[in-house]
């Protein structure tokens, strides 16, 4: 019996080593740390005595940015209706090309780089992959009205190891694209989720 151990033990050790190496080489799909997500966002506080309505003030037609959510008194408003009237101390959360911060400088009453809503944003970020059965490949977010269709806003698009840049709403989607979503309470109620996405990670809890 012990004669086989001379061959069996080295083979077993080599097999174990190969399994450990293979496990480390596999891709790990997980929701990144909150601080890494904040690179997707730009926040601005609404100052007192600054009456603004989203549609009338052009906050829905910004160059490279779009209004994702509003933080108001410890809760998130998402999606944001075009007739939403802003209140003093609201924090507006924008996403898109956050480097185009100058697009917000023309709005009186907005205090850029206000307090971050990271403690709330972390509660509604979900990462999904577009499935081969989805209706999305070949179409853009704007064409399918993604926000209304899924009760979610797209914060970022990752294609393979590359994070896509530019105006996300105009990029044709592909099977396998990874979307980082900011969702509202109705997201998990949609019956078309299983057909369109593979859920990687995220939280559905809301304050």
N, C-alpha and C. Protein backbone atom coordinates (compact mmCIF):
# COMPACT_ATOMS: atom_id res chain seq x y z
N UNK A 1 0.83 -1.22 0.00
CA UNK A 1 0.00 0.00 0.00
C UNK A 1 0.86 1.26 0.00
N UNK A 2 1.99 1.23 0.76
CA UNK A 2 2.81 2.42 0.89
C UNK A 2 3.64 2.71 -0.36
N UNK A 3 3.72 1.67 -1.24
CA UNK A 3 4.45 1.89 -2.47
C UNK A 3 3.79 2.95 -3.34
N UNK A 4 2.45 3.02 -3.30
CA UNK A 4 1.72 4.01 -4.10
C UNK A 4 1.90 5.43 -3.57
N UNK A 5 2.22 5.54 -2.28
CA UNK A 5 2.36 6.88 -1.69
C UNK A 5 3.53 7.65 -2.27
N UNK A 6 4.54 6.94 -2.75
CA UNK A 6 5.69 7.61 -3.35
C UNK A 6 5.29 8.42 -4.58
N UNK A 7 4.29 7.94 -5.29
CA UNK A 7 3.77 8.67 -6.46
C UNK A 7 2.55 9.50 -6.09
N UNK A 8 1.68 8.93 -5.23
CA UNK A 8 0.41 9.59 -4.92
C UNK A 8 0.56 10.90 -4.19
N UNK A 9 1.46 10.97 -3.22
CA UNK A 9 1.63 12.19 -2.43
C UNK A 9 2.12 13.35 -3.29
N UNK A 10 3.19 13.19 -4.09
CA UNK A 10 3.61 14.31 -4.95
C UNK A 10 2.53 14.75 -5.93
N UNK A 11 1.81 13.75 -6.50
CA UNK A 11 0.74 14.10 -7.45
C UNK A 11 -0.36 14.90 -6.75
N UNK A 12 -0.72 14.47 -5.53
CA UNK A 12 -1.76 15.17 -4.78
C UNK A 12 -1.36 16.60 -4.45
N UNK A 13 -0.10 16.77 -4.03
CA UNK A 13 0.39 18.11 -3.72
C UNK A 13 0.41 18.99 -4.96
N UNK A 14 0.83 18.42 -6.08
CA UNK A 14 0.86 19.20 -7.32
C UNK A 14 -0.55 19.59 -7.76
N UNK A 15 -1.51 18.65 -7.63
CA UNK A 15 -2.90 18.95 -7.99
C UNK A 15 -3.48 20.04 -7.10
N UNK A 16 -3.19 19.98 -5.79
CA UNK A 16 -3.68 21.01 -4.87
C UNK A 16 -3.12 22.37 -5.22
N UNK A 17 -1.82 22.40 -5.56
CA UNK A 17 -1.19 23.66 -5.94
C UNK A 17 -1.83 24.24 -7.20
N UNK A 18 -2.15 23.39 -8.17
CA UNK A 18 -2.78 23.85 -9.40
C UNK A 18 -4.19 24.39 -9.14
N UNK A 19 -4.94 23.74 -8.23
CA UNK A 19 -6.28 24.21 -7.90
C UNK A 19 -6.23 25.58 -7.24
N UNK A 20 -5.28 25.77 -6.32
CA UNK A 20 -5.15 27.07 -5.65
C UNK A 20 -4.77 28.15 -6.64
N UNK A 21 -3.87 27.83 -7.56
CA UNK A 21 -3.46 28.82 -8.56
C UNK A 21 -4.63 29.18 -9.47
N UNK A 22 -5.41 28.19 -9.88
CA UNK A 22 -6.56 28.43 -10.76
C UNK A 22 -7.60 29.28 -10.07
N UNK A 23 -7.84 29.05 -8.78
CA UNK A 23 -8.84 29.83 -8.05
C UNK A 23 -8.45 31.29 -7.98
N UNK A 24 -7.16 31.57 -7.79
CA UNK A 24 -6.70 32.96 -7.73
C UNK A 24 -6.74 33.63 -9.09
N UNK A 25 -6.63 32.83 -10.14
CA UNK A 25 -6.62 33.39 -11.49
C UNK A 25 -8.00 33.71 -12.02
N UNK A 26 -9.04 33.16 -11.39
CA UNK A 26 -10.40 33.41 -11.85
C UNK A 26 -10.80 34.86 -11.58
N UNK A 27 -11.62 35.48 -12.46
CA UNK A 27 -12.08 36.85 -12.21
C UNK A 27 -13.04 36.87 -11.04
N UNK A 28 -12.93 37.92 -10.24
CA UNK A 28 -13.79 38.07 -9.08
C UNK A 28 -14.77 39.21 -9.34
N UNK A 29 -16.04 38.87 -9.51
CA UNK A 29 -17.07 39.88 -9.74
C UNK A 29 -17.65 40.30 -8.41
N UNK A 30 -17.41 41.54 -8.05
CA UNK A 30 -17.94 42.05 -6.81
C UNK A 30 -18.17 43.54 -6.96
N UNK A 31 -19.02 44.08 -6.11
CA UNK A 31 -19.26 45.52 -6.11
C UNK A 31 -18.06 46.19 -5.47
N UNK A 32 -17.43 47.14 -6.15
CA UNK A 32 -16.25 47.77 -5.63
C UNK A 32 -16.56 48.55 -4.37
N UNK A 33 -15.49 48.96 -3.68
CA UNK A 33 -15.65 49.74 -2.46
C UNK A 33 -16.37 51.04 -2.76
N UNK A 34 -17.04 51.59 -1.75
CA UNK A 34 -17.81 52.83 -1.93
C UNK A 34 -16.93 53.96 -2.45
N UNK A 35 -15.71 54.08 -1.94
CA UNK A 35 -14.84 55.17 -2.37
C UNK A 35 -14.51 55.07 -3.85
N UNK A 36 -14.41 53.83 -4.38
CA UNK A 36 -14.15 53.66 -5.80
C UNK A 36 -15.37 54.08 -6.60
N UNK A 37 -16.57 53.81 -6.09
CA UNK A 37 -17.79 54.22 -6.79
C UNK A 37 -17.92 55.74 -6.86
N UNK A 38 -17.40 56.43 -5.87
CA UNK A 38 -17.59 57.87 -5.84
C UNK A 38 -16.94 58.57 -7.03
N UNK A 39 -16.03 57.89 -7.73
CA UNK A 39 -15.44 58.46 -8.92
C UNK A 39 -16.49 58.64 -10.01
N UNK A 40 -17.61 57.93 -9.90
CA UNK A 40 -18.69 58.04 -10.88
C UNK A 40 -19.58 59.24 -10.61
N UNK A 41 -19.51 59.82 -9.41
CA UNK A 41 -20.50 60.78 -8.98
C UNK A 41 -19.93 62.19 -8.79
N UNK A 42 -20.82 63.14 -8.91
CA UNK A 42 -20.53 64.53 -8.62
C UNK A 42 -21.70 65.08 -7.83
N UNK A 43 -21.42 65.72 -6.70
CA UNK A 43 -22.50 66.19 -5.82
C UNK A 43 -22.50 67.72 -5.77
N UNK A 44 -23.68 68.29 -5.63
CA UNK A 44 -23.85 69.73 -5.48
C UNK A 44 -25.00 69.99 -4.52
N UNK A 45 -24.79 70.92 -3.60
CA UNK A 45 -25.82 71.30 -2.65
C UNK A 45 -26.64 72.46 -3.18
N UNK A 46 -27.94 72.45 -2.89
CA UNK A 46 -28.82 73.56 -3.25
C UNK A 46 -28.83 74.54 -2.08
N UNK A 47 -28.44 75.78 -2.34
CA UNK A 47 -28.39 76.79 -1.30
C UNK A 47 -29.79 77.31 -0.99
N UNK A 48 -29.93 77.93 0.14
CA UNK A 48 -31.22 78.49 0.56
C UNK A 48 -31.66 79.60 -0.40
N UNK A 49 -32.97 79.80 -0.48
CA UNK A 49 -33.58 80.85 -1.30
C UNK A 49 -33.17 80.73 -2.77
N UNK A 50 -33.16 79.51 -3.26
CA UNK A 50 -32.81 79.29 -4.65
C UNK A 50 -33.86 78.40 -5.31
N UNK A 51 -35.04 78.96 -5.65
CA UNK A 51 -36.10 78.13 -6.25
C UNK A 51 -35.70 77.64 -7.63
N UNK A 52 -35.72 76.33 -7.81
CA UNK A 52 -35.34 75.74 -9.10
C UNK A 52 -36.24 74.56 -9.40
N UNK A 53 -36.65 74.43 -10.65
CA UNK A 53 -37.41 73.27 -11.12
C UNK A 53 -36.54 72.57 -12.16
N UNK A 54 -36.45 71.27 -12.08
CA UNK A 54 -35.50 70.50 -12.88
C UNK A 54 -35.60 70.83 -14.37
N UNK A 55 -36.79 70.70 -14.94
CA UNK A 55 -36.96 70.89 -16.38
C UNK A 55 -36.74 72.33 -16.79
N UNK A 56 -37.32 73.26 -16.05
CA UNK A 56 -37.26 74.67 -16.43
C UNK A 56 -35.85 75.23 -16.38
N UNK A 57 -35.00 74.69 -15.52
CA UNK A 57 -33.65 75.22 -15.38
C UNK A 57 -32.61 74.47 -16.20
N UNK A 58 -33.05 73.50 -16.97
CA UNK A 58 -32.14 72.81 -17.87
C UNK A 58 -31.25 71.79 -17.21
N UNK A 59 -31.59 71.34 -16.02
CA UNK A 59 -30.75 70.37 -15.34
C UNK A 59 -30.86 68.96 -15.94
N UNK A 60 -31.80 68.77 -16.83
CA UNK A 60 -31.92 67.47 -17.50
C UNK A 60 -31.24 67.47 -18.87
N UNK A 61 -30.66 68.59 -19.25
CA UNK A 61 -30.01 68.70 -20.57
C UNK A 61 -28.61 69.27 -20.42
N UNK A 62 -27.79 68.57 -19.65
CA UNK A 62 -26.43 69.03 -19.40
C UNK A 62 -25.46 68.34 -20.35
N UNK A 63 -24.36 69.00 -20.58
CA UNK A 63 -23.33 68.47 -21.47
C UNK A 63 -22.52 67.39 -20.76
N UNK A 64 -22.83 66.12 -21.04
CA UNK A 64 -22.07 65.02 -20.49
C UNK A 64 -22.47 64.58 -19.10
N UNK A 65 -23.39 65.28 -18.46
CA UNK A 65 -23.83 64.93 -17.11
C UNK A 65 -25.34 64.73 -17.10
N UNK A 66 -25.83 63.90 -16.18
CA UNK A 66 -27.27 63.87 -15.96
C UNK A 66 -27.56 63.67 -14.48
N UNK A 67 -28.68 64.24 -14.08
CA UNK A 67 -29.09 64.21 -12.68
C UNK A 67 -29.61 62.82 -12.34
N UNK A 68 -28.89 62.13 -11.47
CA UNK A 68 -29.23 60.75 -11.14
C UNK A 68 -30.23 60.67 -10.01
N UNK A 69 -29.94 61.36 -8.91
CA UNK A 69 -30.77 61.26 -7.72
C UNK A 69 -30.68 62.55 -6.92
N UNK A 70 -31.61 62.69 -5.99
CA UNK A 70 -31.60 63.80 -5.05
C UNK A 70 -31.59 63.23 -3.64
N UNK A 71 -30.67 63.70 -2.81
CA UNK A 71 -30.69 63.34 -1.40
C UNK A 71 -31.42 64.45 -0.65
N UNK A 72 -32.48 64.08 0.05
CA UNK A 72 -33.29 65.06 0.78
C UNK A 72 -33.63 64.52 2.16
N UNK A 73 -33.08 65.16 3.15
CA UNK A 73 -33.37 64.82 4.55
C UNK A 73 -33.15 63.33 4.83
N UNK A 74 -32.02 62.81 4.36
CA UNK A 74 -31.66 61.45 4.68
C UNK A 74 -32.27 60.38 3.81
N UNK A 75 -32.92 60.76 2.70
CA UNK A 75 -33.48 59.75 1.80
C UNK A 75 -33.15 60.14 0.37
N UNK A 76 -33.22 59.14 -0.52
CA UNK A 76 -32.92 59.37 -1.93
C UNK A 76 -34.20 59.44 -2.74
N UNK A 77 -34.26 60.41 -3.65
CA UNK A 77 -35.35 60.52 -4.61
C UNK A 77 -34.81 60.05 -5.95
N UNK A 78 -35.33 58.94 -6.45
CA UNK A 78 -34.85 58.36 -7.70
C UNK A 78 -35.94 57.49 -8.31
N UNK A 79 -36.22 57.65 -9.61
CA UNK A 79 -35.66 58.67 -10.51
C UNK A 79 -36.23 60.05 -10.21
N UNK A 80 -35.61 61.07 -10.77
CA UNK A 80 -36.01 62.45 -10.53
C UNK A 80 -36.98 62.91 -11.61
N UNK A 81 -38.17 63.32 -11.20
CA UNK A 81 -39.19 63.77 -12.16
C UNK A 81 -38.80 65.14 -12.72
N UNK A 82 -39.18 65.42 -13.98
CA UNK A 82 -38.81 66.71 -14.58
C UNK A 82 -39.44 67.91 -13.89
N UNK A 83 -40.59 67.70 -13.21
CA UNK A 83 -41.24 68.82 -12.53
C UNK A 83 -40.89 68.87 -11.04
N UNK A 84 -39.88 68.13 -10.64
CA UNK A 84 -39.45 68.13 -9.23
C UNK A 84 -38.93 69.52 -8.86
N UNK A 85 -39.46 70.07 -7.76
CA UNK A 85 -39.02 71.38 -7.28
C UNK A 85 -37.97 71.17 -6.19
N UNK A 86 -36.80 71.73 -6.41
CA UNK A 86 -35.71 71.55 -5.47
C UNK A 86 -35.95 72.34 -4.19
N UNK A 87 -35.41 71.82 -3.11
CA UNK A 87 -35.53 72.47 -1.81
C UNK A 87 -34.15 72.82 -1.29
N UNK A 88 -34.11 73.81 -0.41
CA UNK A 88 -32.85 74.20 0.21
C UNK A 88 -32.26 73.00 0.94
N UNK A 89 -30.94 72.86 0.82
CA UNK A 89 -30.17 71.78 1.45
C UNK A 89 -30.29 70.44 0.72
N UNK A 90 -31.03 70.39 -0.40
CA UNK A 90 -30.99 69.18 -1.23
C UNK A 90 -29.56 68.96 -1.74
N UNK A 91 -29.18 67.70 -1.86
CA UNK A 91 -27.91 67.37 -2.52
C UNK A 91 -28.24 66.67 -3.83
N UNK A 92 -27.79 67.27 -4.93
CA UNK A 92 -28.02 66.71 -6.25
C UNK A 92 -26.85 65.81 -6.61
N UNK A 93 -27.15 64.59 -7.03
CA UNK A 93 -26.12 63.62 -7.38
C UNK A 93 -26.13 63.44 -8.89
N UNK A 94 -25.04 63.85 -9.53
CA UNK A 94 -24.90 63.75 -10.98
C UNK A 94 -23.95 62.61 -11.32
N UNK A 95 -24.13 62.04 -12.50
CA UNK A 95 -23.21 61.04 -13.00
C UNK A 95 -22.97 61.30 -14.48
N UNK A 96 -22.07 60.53 -15.06
CA UNK A 96 -21.70 60.75 -16.45
C UNK A 96 -20.24 61.15 -16.53
N UNK A 97 -19.94 62.17 -17.31
CA UNK A 97 -18.57 62.67 -17.43
C UNK A 97 -18.33 63.69 -16.32
N UNK A 98 -17.95 63.19 -15.16
CA UNK A 98 -17.84 64.06 -13.98
C UNK A 98 -16.75 65.11 -14.15
N UNK A 99 -15.87 64.93 -15.12
CA UNK A 99 -14.85 65.95 -15.36
C UNK A 99 -15.45 67.23 -15.94
N UNK A 100 -16.67 67.14 -16.46
CA UNK A 100 -17.31 68.33 -17.04
C UNK A 100 -18.08 69.10 -15.98
N UNK A 101 -17.40 69.36 -14.88
CA UNK A 101 -18.02 70.07 -13.76
C UNK A 101 -18.44 71.48 -14.15
N UNK A 102 -17.79 72.05 -15.16
CA UNK A 102 -18.12 73.41 -15.57
C UNK A 102 -19.55 73.54 -16.05
N UNK A 103 -20.17 72.42 -16.43
CA UNK A 103 -21.56 72.47 -16.89
C UNK A 103 -22.50 72.91 -15.79
N UNK A 104 -22.10 72.77 -14.52
CA UNK A 104 -22.95 73.13 -13.40
C UNK A 104 -22.67 74.54 -12.88
N UNK A 105 -21.61 75.13 -13.35
CA UNK A 105 -21.21 76.43 -12.81
C UNK A 105 -22.12 77.56 -13.24
N UNK A 106 -22.94 77.32 -14.25
CA UNK A 106 -23.84 78.38 -14.73
C UNK A 106 -25.15 78.45 -13.96
N UNK A 107 -25.35 77.54 -12.99
CA UNK A 107 -26.59 77.52 -12.23
C UNK A 107 -26.41 78.24 -10.90
N UNK A 108 -27.05 79.41 -10.73
CA UNK A 108 -26.94 80.10 -9.45
C UNK A 108 -27.63 79.30 -8.35
N UNK A 109 -27.02 79.30 -7.18
CA UNK A 109 -27.63 78.60 -6.06
C UNK A 109 -27.14 77.19 -5.88
N UNK A 110 -26.25 76.70 -6.75
CA UNK A 110 -25.68 75.37 -6.59
C UNK A 110 -24.28 75.48 -6.00
N UNK A 111 -24.08 74.81 -4.90
CA UNK A 111 -22.78 74.78 -4.25
C UNK A 111 -22.09 73.48 -4.62
N UNK A 112 -21.17 73.53 -5.56
CA UNK A 112 -20.53 72.33 -6.07
C UNK A 112 -19.65 71.67 -5.01
N UNK A 113 -19.50 70.35 -5.16
CA UNK A 113 -18.69 69.57 -4.23
C UNK A 113 -19.20 69.71 -2.81
N UNK A 114 -20.50 69.64 -2.68
CA UNK A 114 -21.10 69.65 -1.35
C UNK A 114 -20.86 68.33 -0.66
N UNK A 115 -21.48 68.11 0.49
CA UNK A 115 -21.24 66.88 1.24
C UNK A 115 -21.66 65.69 0.40
N UNK A 116 -20.87 64.63 0.45
CA UNK A 116 -21.12 63.46 -0.37
C UNK A 116 -22.24 62.60 0.21
N UNK A 117 -23.01 61.98 -0.68
CA UNK A 117 -24.12 61.13 -0.26
C UNK A 117 -23.69 59.67 -0.27
N UNK A 118 -22.41 59.41 0.04
CA UNK A 118 -21.90 58.05 -0.11
C UNK A 118 -22.59 57.06 0.80
N UNK A 119 -23.01 57.48 2.01
CA UNK A 119 -23.65 56.55 2.94
C UNK A 119 -25.00 56.10 2.42
N UNK A 120 -25.66 56.93 1.58
CA UNK A 120 -26.93 56.53 0.99
C UNK A 120 -26.72 55.82 -0.35
N UNK A 121 -25.78 56.32 -1.15
CA UNK A 121 -25.55 55.72 -2.45
C UNK A 121 -25.14 54.26 -2.34
N UNK A 122 -24.43 53.93 -1.27
CA UNK A 122 -23.99 52.55 -1.10
C UNK A 122 -25.15 51.60 -0.90
N UNK A 123 -26.33 52.11 -0.57
CA UNK A 123 -27.48 51.24 -0.28
C UNK A 123 -28.24 50.87 -1.54
N UNK A 124 -28.00 51.53 -2.66
CA UNK A 124 -28.82 51.25 -3.84
C UNK A 124 -28.01 51.07 -5.11
N UNK A 125 -26.75 50.65 -4.96
CA UNK A 125 -25.94 50.37 -6.13
C UNK A 125 -25.99 48.87 -6.42
N UNK A 126 -26.27 48.53 -7.67
CA UNK A 126 -26.38 47.14 -8.09
C UNK A 126 -25.56 46.96 -9.37
N UNK A 127 -24.85 45.85 -9.45
CA UNK A 127 -24.03 45.55 -10.62
C UNK A 127 -24.65 44.38 -11.38
N UNK A 128 -24.88 44.56 -12.67
CA UNK A 128 -25.51 43.53 -13.50
C UNK A 128 -24.74 43.36 -14.80
N UNK A 129 -24.94 42.21 -15.43
CA UNK A 129 -24.36 41.94 -16.75
C UNK A 129 -25.50 41.69 -17.73
N UNK A 130 -25.42 42.29 -18.90
CA UNK A 130 -26.45 42.11 -19.92
C UNK A 130 -26.40 40.69 -20.47
N UNK A 131 -27.53 40.00 -20.44
CA UNK A 131 -27.60 38.61 -20.87
C UNK A 131 -27.81 38.50 -22.37
N UNK A 132 -27.63 37.29 -22.90
CA UNK A 132 -27.80 37.06 -24.34
C UNK A 132 -29.27 37.09 -24.75
N UNK A 133 -30.19 37.02 -23.78
CA UNK A 133 -31.62 37.08 -24.07
C UNK A 133 -32.18 38.50 -23.96
N UNK A 134 -31.33 39.44 -23.60
CA UNK A 134 -31.78 40.80 -23.33
C UNK A 134 -32.23 41.51 -24.60
N UNK A 135 -33.09 42.49 -24.43
CA UNK A 135 -33.54 43.33 -25.53
C UNK A 135 -32.57 44.50 -25.77
N UNK A 136 -31.54 44.63 -24.92
CA UNK A 136 -30.69 45.81 -24.93
C UNK A 136 -29.57 45.81 -25.97
N UNK A 137 -28.93 44.67 -26.29
CA UNK A 137 -27.81 44.72 -27.24
C UNK A 137 -28.17 45.38 -28.56
N UNK A 138 -27.26 46.26 -29.01
CA UNK A 138 -27.48 46.98 -30.26
C UNK A 138 -28.25 48.27 -30.08
N UNK A 139 -28.77 48.51 -28.88
CA UNK A 139 -29.53 49.73 -28.60
C UNK A 139 -28.80 50.59 -27.57
N UNK A 140 -29.18 51.84 -27.48
CA UNK A 140 -28.60 52.74 -26.49
C UNK A 140 -29.56 52.91 -25.32
N UNK A 141 -29.03 53.40 -24.22
CA UNK A 141 -29.86 53.66 -23.04
C UNK A 141 -30.97 54.64 -23.36
N UNK A 142 -30.64 55.62 -24.17
CA UNK A 142 -31.64 56.64 -24.53
C UNK A 142 -32.74 56.06 -25.39
N UNK A 143 -32.39 55.18 -26.31
CA UNK A 143 -33.38 54.60 -27.22
C UNK A 143 -34.41 53.76 -26.48
N UNK A 144 -33.98 53.04 -25.46
CA UNK A 144 -34.92 52.16 -24.74
C UNK A 144 -35.53 52.85 -23.52
N UNK A 145 -35.12 54.09 -23.26
CA UNK A 145 -35.58 54.81 -22.06
C UNK A 145 -35.33 53.95 -20.82
N UNK A 146 -34.05 53.63 -20.62
CA UNK A 146 -33.64 52.67 -19.60
C UNK A 146 -34.17 53.02 -18.22
N UNK A 147 -34.14 54.28 -17.86
CA UNK A 147 -34.54 54.68 -16.51
C UNK A 147 -36.00 54.32 -16.24
N UNK A 148 -36.87 54.58 -17.21
CA UNK A 148 -38.29 54.25 -17.03
C UNK A 148 -38.53 52.75 -17.12
N UNK A 149 -37.77 52.06 -17.98
CA UNK A 149 -37.99 50.64 -18.21
C UNK A 149 -37.63 49.80 -17.00
N UNK A 150 -36.56 50.18 -16.29
CA UNK A 150 -36.08 49.36 -15.18
C UNK A 150 -36.07 50.07 -13.84
N UNK A 151 -36.56 51.30 -13.77
CA UNK A 151 -36.53 52.08 -12.52
C UNK A 151 -35.11 52.16 -11.98
N UNK A 152 -34.18 52.46 -12.85
CA UNK A 152 -32.77 52.52 -12.47
C UNK A 152 -32.01 53.46 -13.39
N UNK A 153 -30.97 54.07 -12.86
CA UNK A 153 -30.09 54.91 -13.66
C UNK A 153 -28.75 54.23 -13.83
N UNK A 154 -28.16 54.33 -15.02
CA UNK A 154 -26.86 53.71 -15.28
C UNK A 154 -25.76 54.68 -14.86
N UNK A 155 -24.94 54.24 -13.92
CA UNK A 155 -23.85 55.06 -13.40
C UNK A 155 -22.58 54.83 -14.20
N UNK A 156 -22.35 53.59 -14.63
CA UNK A 156 -21.14 53.28 -15.38
C UNK A 156 -21.34 52.04 -16.22
N UNK A 157 -20.57 51.92 -17.29
CA UNK A 157 -20.59 50.75 -18.17
C UNK A 157 -19.17 50.23 -18.30
N UNK A 158 -19.00 48.94 -17.98
CA UNK A 158 -17.69 48.30 -18.13
C UNK A 158 -17.80 47.22 -19.20
N UNK A 159 -16.89 47.29 -20.16
CA UNK A 159 -16.86 46.32 -21.25
C UNK A 159 -15.52 45.57 -21.18
N UNK A 160 -15.58 44.34 -20.68
CA UNK A 160 -14.34 43.63 -20.41
C UNK A 160 -13.63 44.29 -19.24
N UNK A 161 -12.39 44.68 -19.44
CA UNK A 161 -11.64 45.37 -18.39
C UNK A 161 -11.64 46.88 -18.60
N UNK A 162 -12.41 47.37 -19.56
CA UNK A 162 -12.39 48.78 -19.90
C UNK A 162 -13.65 49.47 -19.42
N UNK A 163 -13.47 50.57 -18.71
CA UNK A 163 -14.60 51.40 -18.30
C UNK A 163 -14.89 52.41 -19.40
N UNK A 164 -16.09 52.31 -19.98
CA UNK A 164 -16.43 53.17 -21.11
C UNK A 164 -16.63 54.61 -20.65
N UNK A 165 -16.21 55.54 -21.49
CA UNK A 165 -16.32 56.96 -21.18
C UNK A 165 -17.18 57.65 -22.23
N UNK A 166 -17.45 58.92 -21.98
CA UNK A 166 -18.29 59.68 -22.90
C UNK A 166 -19.75 59.68 -22.44
N UNK A 167 -20.63 60.04 -23.33
CA UNK A 167 -22.06 60.09 -23.01
C UNK A 167 -22.63 58.67 -23.05
N UNK A 168 -22.87 58.13 -21.87
CA UNK A 168 -23.30 56.73 -21.76
C UNK A 168 -24.61 56.46 -22.48
N UNK A 169 -25.48 57.45 -22.52
CA UNK A 169 -26.79 57.26 -23.13
C UNK A 169 -26.74 57.04 -24.63
N UNK A 170 -25.59 57.32 -25.26
CA UNK A 170 -25.47 57.20 -26.71
C UNK A 170 -24.60 56.02 -27.13
N UNK A 171 -24.16 55.20 -26.18
CA UNK A 171 -23.29 54.07 -26.49
C UNK A 171 -24.12 52.81 -26.77
N UNK A 172 -24.02 52.20 -27.95
CA UNK A 172 -24.75 50.94 -28.21
C UNK A 172 -24.26 49.85 -27.25
N UNK A 173 -25.19 49.17 -26.62
CA UNK A 173 -24.86 48.16 -25.64
C UNK A 173 -24.57 46.82 -26.30
N UNK A 174 -23.85 45.95 -25.55
CA UNK A 174 -23.50 44.63 -26.05
C UNK A 174 -23.80 43.57 -24.99
N UNK A 175 -23.98 42.35 -25.44
CA UNK A 175 -24.10 41.22 -24.50
C UNK A 175 -22.80 41.13 -23.71
N UNK A 176 -22.90 40.98 -22.40
CA UNK A 176 -21.73 40.88 -21.55
C UNK A 176 -21.28 42.19 -20.96
N UNK A 177 -21.86 43.32 -21.40
CA UNK A 177 -21.53 44.60 -20.78
C UNK A 177 -21.96 44.57 -19.32
N UNK A 178 -21.11 45.10 -18.46
CA UNK A 178 -21.41 45.18 -17.03
C UNK A 178 -21.89 46.60 -16.71
N UNK A 179 -23.08 46.71 -16.14
CA UNK A 179 -23.68 48.00 -15.82
C UNK A 179 -23.71 48.19 -14.31
N UNK A 180 -23.26 49.35 -13.88
CA UNK A 180 -23.42 49.74 -12.48
C UNK A 180 -24.66 50.62 -12.40
N UNK A 181 -25.66 50.17 -11.63
CA UNK A 181 -26.96 50.83 -11.58
C UNK A 181 -27.23 51.45 -10.22
N UNK A 182 -27.87 52.60 -10.23
CA UNK A 182 -28.47 53.18 -9.03
C UNK A 182 -29.96 52.93 -9.14
N UNK A 183 -30.51 52.08 -8.28
CA UNK A 183 -31.88 51.60 -8.43
C UNK A 183 -32.78 52.20 -7.36
N UNK A 184 -34.07 52.20 -7.64
CA UNK A 184 -35.03 52.60 -6.62
C UNK A 184 -35.77 51.38 -6.10
N UNK A 185 -36.72 51.60 -5.24
CA UNK A 185 -37.38 50.49 -4.55
C UNK A 185 -38.16 49.58 -5.49
N UNK A 186 -38.51 50.06 -6.70
CA UNK A 186 -39.30 49.26 -7.63
C UNK A 186 -38.45 48.36 -8.52
N UNK A 187 -37.14 48.48 -8.44
CA UNK A 187 -36.27 47.76 -9.37
C UNK A 187 -36.50 46.25 -9.33
N UNK A 188 -36.51 45.66 -8.16
CA UNK A 188 -36.60 44.21 -8.06
C UNK A 188 -37.99 43.69 -8.39
N UNK A 189 -38.97 44.59 -8.56
CA UNK A 189 -40.33 44.17 -8.90
C UNK A 189 -40.52 43.95 -10.40
N UNK A 190 -39.57 44.38 -11.20
CA UNK A 190 -39.72 44.24 -12.65
C UNK A 190 -39.57 42.77 -13.05
N UNK A 191 -40.50 42.31 -13.84
CA UNK A 191 -40.51 40.90 -14.25
C UNK A 191 -39.49 40.61 -15.35
N UNK A 192 -38.98 41.66 -15.99
CA UNK A 192 -38.05 41.45 -17.10
C UNK A 192 -36.60 41.43 -16.67
N UNK A 193 -36.30 41.43 -15.37
CA UNK A 193 -34.92 41.47 -14.91
C UNK A 193 -34.17 40.20 -15.28
N UNK A 194 -34.78 39.03 -15.01
CA UNK A 194 -34.10 37.76 -15.25
C UNK A 194 -33.76 37.57 -16.73
N UNK A 195 -34.60 38.08 -17.58
CA UNK A 195 -34.35 37.94 -19.01
C UNK A 195 -33.21 38.84 -19.47
N UNK A 196 -33.13 40.01 -18.92
CA UNK A 196 -32.19 41.02 -19.42
C UNK A 196 -30.83 41.02 -18.72
N UNK A 197 -30.79 40.56 -17.46
CA UNK A 197 -29.56 40.72 -16.69
C UNK A 197 -29.18 39.47 -15.91
N UNK A 198 -27.88 39.38 -15.64
CA UNK A 198 -27.35 38.49 -14.62
C UNK A 198 -26.90 39.39 -13.47
N UNK A 199 -27.47 39.19 -12.30
CA UNK A 199 -27.12 40.02 -11.15
C UNK A 199 -25.79 39.56 -10.57
N UNK A 200 -24.84 40.48 -10.47
CA UNK A 200 -23.54 40.15 -9.90
C UNK A 200 -23.49 40.43 -8.41
N UNK A 201 -23.85 41.64 -8.04
CA UNK A 201 -23.78 42.01 -6.63
C UNK A 201 -24.56 43.29 -6.41
N UNK A 202 -24.73 43.62 -5.14
CA UNK A 202 -25.42 44.85 -4.80
C UNK A 202 -26.41 44.66 -3.70
N UNK A 203 -27.00 45.74 -3.27
CA UNK A 203 -27.96 45.69 -2.17
C UNK A 203 -29.27 46.31 -2.62
N UNK A 204 -30.36 45.69 -2.19
CA UNK A 204 -31.68 46.25 -2.48
C UNK A 204 -32.27 46.97 -1.29
N UNK A 205 -31.54 47.08 -0.21
CA UNK A 205 -32.08 47.73 0.98
C UNK A 205 -32.18 49.21 0.76
N UNK A 206 -33.21 49.78 1.30
CA UNK A 206 -33.42 51.22 1.21
C UNK A 206 -33.66 51.76 2.61
N UNK A 207 -33.21 52.98 2.91
CA UNK A 207 -33.47 53.55 4.23
C UNK A 207 -34.94 53.86 4.43
